[in-house]
Amino acid sequence: MGAHHTTLEYLTTTKIGEKGQLTVPKQFREDLGLGNGAPFAVLRLGDGLILLPEQQRFEQLCQQVSSALTAAGLAPEDLLATLPEARNRVYTRRYGKQSKGNASQRRIHNHRRK
């Protein structure tokens, strides 16, 4: 993917085609590493639209999450340690009873008892 710019800059003018399609000029598609069918988020900002390639949006979201966890003093291991409890809460909400471990854990346990 191309370099990330932090400033707003005018790139080009384009037109909406008969089917509502926009053409992104080749230079900018190449700069951003965008191929045919690349997904975009379309954001409205007042009277304007922002087109943001989904990959870039995902990377930005990951960076925001990482920064928030770091600011809260949490390490990745801290977050991973909460997964079993979170899985049990989701399982209980979905099935109305407490999970006694997932199926793969039960199979391993049963295999060891044989």
C-alpha atoms as a PDB file:
ATOM      1  CA  MET A   1       0.000   0.000   0.000  1.00  0.00           C
ATOM      2  CA  GLY A   2       1.216   3.530  -0.704  1.00  0.00           C
ATOM      3  CA  ALA A   3       2.418   6.086   1.800  1.00  0.00           C
ATOM      4  CA  HIS A   4      -0.099   7.387   4.323  1.00  0.00           C
ATOM      5  CA  HIS A   5      -0.698  11.142   4.148  1.00  0.00           C
ATOM      6  CA  THR A   6      -1.968  13.001   7.184  1.00  0.00           C
ATOM      7  CA  THR A   7      -2.931  16.193   5.356  1.00  0.00           C
ATOM      8  CA  LEU A   8      -5.978  16.828   3.237  1.00  0.00           C
ATOM      9  CA  GLU A   9      -5.105  17.398  -0.385  1.00  0.00           C
ATOM     10  CA  TYR A  10      -7.064  17.872  -3.590  1.00  0.00           C
ATOM     11  CA  LEU A  11      -6.404  15.005  -5.978  1.00  0.00           C
ATOM     12  CA  THR A  12      -8.718  15.238  -8.942  1.00  0.00           C
ATOM     13  CA  THR A  13     -12.272  15.715 -10.138  1.00  0.00           C
ATOM     14  CA  THR A  14     -14.314  12.784 -11.404  1.00  0.00           C
ATOM     15  CA  LYS A  15     -17.916  12.248 -12.515  1.00  0.00           C
ATOM     16  CA  ILE A  16     -20.626   9.857 -11.506  1.00  0.00           C
ATOM     17  CA  GLY A  17     -21.478   7.534 -14.400  1.00  0.00           C
ATOM     18  CA  GLU A  18     -24.925   6.421 -15.581  1.00  0.00           C
ATOM     19  CA  LYS A  19     -25.038   3.571 -13.057  1.00  0.00           C
ATOM     20  CA  GLY A  20     -23.819   5.706 -10.146  1.00  0.00           C
ATOM     21  CA  GLN A  21     -20.231   4.516 -10.465  1.00  0.00           C
ATOM     22  CA  LEU A  22     -17.200   6.676  -9.731  1.00  0.00           C
ATOM     23  CA  THR A  23     -13.880   6.266 -11.504  1.00  0.00           C
ATOM     24  CA  VAL A  24     -10.764   6.546  -9.397  1.00  0.00           C
ATOM     25  CA  PRO A  25      -7.892   7.631 -11.657  1.00  0.00           C
ATOM     26  CA  LYS A  26      -5.275   4.954 -12.343  1.00  0.00           C
ATOM     27  CA  GLN A  27      -2.448   6.870 -10.651  1.00  0.00           C
ATOM     28  CA  PHE A  28      -4.319   6.975  -7.333  1.00  0.00           C
ATOM     29  CA  ARG A  29      -5.449   3.330  -7.574  1.00  0.00           C
ATOM     30  CA  GLU A  30      -1.810   2.347  -8.107  1.00  0.00           C
ATOM     31  CA  ASP A  31      -0.565   4.620  -5.297  1.00  0.00           C
ATOM     32  CA  LEU A  32      -3.018   2.999  -2.876  1.00  0.00           C
ATOM     33  CA  GLY A  33      -2.649  -0.543  -4.225  1.00  0.00           C
ATOM     34  CA  LEU A  34      -6.321  -0.804  -5.192  1.00  0.00           C
ATOM     35  CA  GLY A  35      -7.449  -3.431  -7.667  1.00  0.00           C
ATOM     36  CA  ASN A  36     -10.792  -4.139  -9.327  1.00  0.00           C
ATOM     37  CA  GLY A  37     -13.497  -4.747  -6.770  1.00  0.00           C
ATOM     38  CA  ALA A  38     -11.550  -3.178  -3.888  1.00  0.00           C
ATOM     39  CA  PRO A  39     -14.043  -2.451  -1.074  1.00  0.00           C
ATOM     40  CA  PHE A  40     -14.509   1.115   0.158  1.00  0.00           C
ATOM     41  CA  ALA A  41     -16.233   2.621   3.154  1.00  0.00           C
ATOM     42  CA  VAL A  42     -18.325   5.642   2.158  1.00  0.00           C
ATOM     43  CA  LEU A  43     -18.534   8.212   4.945  1.00  0.00           C
ATOM     44  CA  ARG A  44     -20.627  11.365   4.950  1.00  0.00           C
ATOM     45  CA  LEU A  45     -19.077  14.491   6.417  1.00  0.00           C
ATOM     46  CA  GLY A  46     -21.557  17.339   6.184  1.00  0.00           C
ATOM     47  CA  ASP A  47     -22.159  17.958   2.484  1.00  0.00           C
ATOM     48  CA  GLY A  48     -19.174  15.827   1.475  1.00  0.00           C
ATOM     49  CA  LEU A  49     -18.301  12.178   1.074  1.00  0.00           C
ATOM     50  CA  ILE A  50     -15.117  10.448   2.128  1.00  0.00           C
ATOM     51  CA  LEU A  51     -14.115   7.279   0.311  1.00  0.00           C
ATOM     52  CA  LEU A  52     -11.846   5.164   2.454  1.00  0.00           C
ATOM     53  CA  PRO A  53     -10.391   1.865   1.261  1.00  0.00           C
ATOM     54  CA  GLU A  54     -11.569  -0.843   3.675  1.00  0.00           C
ATOM     55  CA  GLN A  55      -8.039  -2.178   4.241  1.00  0.00           C
ATOM     56  CA  GLN A  56      -6.894   1.253   5.372  1.00  0.00           C
ATOM     57  CA  ARG A  57      -9.978   1.590   7.560  1.00  0.00           C
ATOM     58  CA  PHE A  58      -9.255  -1.790   9.171  1.00  0.00           C
ATOM     59  CA  GLU A  59      -5.624  -0.849   9.786  1.00  0.00           C
ATOM     60  CA  GLN A  60      -6.699   2.449  11.366  1.00  0.00           C
ATOM     61  CA  LEU A  61      -9.208   0.647  13.581  1.00  0.00           C
ATOM     62  CA  CYS A  62      -6.519  -1.831  14.692  1.00  0.00           C
ATOM     63  CA  GLN A  63      -4.189   1.058  15.511  1.00  0.00           C
ATOM     64  CA  GLN A  64      -6.901   2.812  17.535  1.00  0.00           C
ATOM     65  CA  VAL A  65      -7.638  -0.375  19.496  1.00  0.00           C
ATOM     66  CA  SER A  66      -3.930  -0.970  20.091  1.00  0.00           C
ATOM     67  CA  SER A  67      -3.421   2.612  21.278  1.00  0.00           C
ATOM     68  CA  ALA A  68      -6.424   2.404  23.616  1.00  0.00           C
ATOM     69  CA  LEU A  69      -5.181  -0.861  25.139  1.00  0.00           C
ATOM     70  CA  THR A  70      -1.671   0.530  25.569  1.00  0.00           C
ATOM     71  CA  ALA A  71      -3.044   3.719  27.156  1.00  0.00           C
ATOM     72  CA  ALA A  72      -5.059   1.553  29.568  1.00  0.00           C
ATOM     73  CA  GLY A  73      -1.889  -0.342  30.492  1.00  0.00           C
ATOM     74  CA  LEU A  74      -3.076  -3.639  28.993  1.00  0.00           C
ATOM     75  CA  ALA A  75      -0.777  -6.087  27.240  1.00  0.00           C
ATOM     76  CA  PRO A  76      -2.036  -8.481  24.515  1.00  0.00           C
ATOM     77  CA  GLU A  77      -1.727 -11.335  27.038  1.00  0.00           C
ATOM     78  CA  ASP A  78      -4.121  -9.517  29.393  1.00  0.00           C
ATOM     79  CA  LEU A  79      -6.737  -9.312  26.674  1.00  0.00           C
ATOM     80  CA  LEU A  80      -6.254 -12.925  25.569  1.00  0.00           C
ATOM     81  CA  ALA A  81      -6.674 -14.087  29.169  1.00  0.00           C
ATOM     82  CA  THR A  82     -10.243 -12.705  29.153  1.00  0.00           C
ATOM     83  CA  LEU A  83     -11.347 -14.776  26.138  1.00  0.00           C
ATOM     84  CA  PRO A  84     -12.510 -17.932  27.988  1.00  0.00           C
ATOM     85  CA  GLU A  85     -14.779 -15.893  30.269  1.00  0.00           C
ATOM     86  CA  ALA A  86     -16.101 -13.868  27.304  1.00  0.00           C
ATOM     87  CA  ARG A  87     -16.798 -17.081  25.349  1.00  0.00           C
ATOM     88  CA  ASN A  88     -18.754 -18.463  28.302  1.00  0.00           C
ATOM     89  CA  ARG A  89     -20.858 -15.295  28.539  1.00  0.00           C
ATOM     90  CA  VAL A  90     -21.692 -15.468  24.826  1.00  0.00           C
ATOM     91  CA  TYR A  91     -22.450 -19.208  25.080  1.00  0.00           C
ATOM     92  CA  THR A  92     -24.722 -18.632  28.088  1.00  0.00           C
ATOM     93  CA  ARG A  93     -26.617 -15.834  26.316  1.00  0.00           C
ATOM     94  CA  ARG A  94     -27.005 -17.976  23.204  1.00  0.00           C
ATOM     95  CA  TYR A  95     -27.860 -21.331  24.777  1.00  0.00           C
ATOM     96  CA  GLY A  96     -29.094 -20.365  28.240  1.00  0.00           C
ATOM     97  CA  LYS A  97     -26.607 -22.472  30.173  1.00  0.00           C
ATOM     98  CA  GLN A  98     -22.985 -22.306  31.233  1.00  0.00           C
ATOM     99  CA  SER A  99     -20.462 -23.887  28.875  1.00  0.00           C
ATOM    100  CA  LYS A 100     -18.348 -26.653  30.362  1.00  0.00           C
ATOM    101  CA  GLY A 101     -15.485 -25.999  27.952  1.00  0.00           C
ATOM    102  CA  ASN A 102     -15.565 -26.194  24.220  1.00  0.00           C
ATOM    103  CA  ALA A 103     -15.983 -29.434  22.285  1.00  0.00           C
ATOM    104  CA  SER A 104     -12.313 -29.763  21.375  1.00  0.00           C
ATOM    105  CA  GLN A 105     -11.313 -29.468  25.046  1.00  0.00           C
ATOM    106  CA  ARG A 106     -13.851 -32.184  25.952  1.00  0.00           C
ATOM    107  CA  ARG A 107     -12.546 -34.498  23.202  1.00  0.00           C
ATOM    108  CA  ILE A 108      -8.966 -34.068  24.418  1.00  0.00           C
ATOM    109  CA  HIS A 109     -10.039 -34.717  28.016  1.00  0.00           C
ATOM    110  CA  ASN A 110     -12.097 -37.803  27.083  1.00  0.00           C
ATOM    111  CA  HIS A 111      -9.259 -39.161  24.938  1.00  0.00           C
ATOM    112  CA  ARG A 112      -6.808 -38.848  27.837  1.00  0.00           C
ATOM    113  CA  ARG A 113      -9.147 -40.787  30.165  1.00  0.00           C
ATOM    114  CA  LYS A 114      -9.160 -43.843  27.851  1.00  0.00           C
END
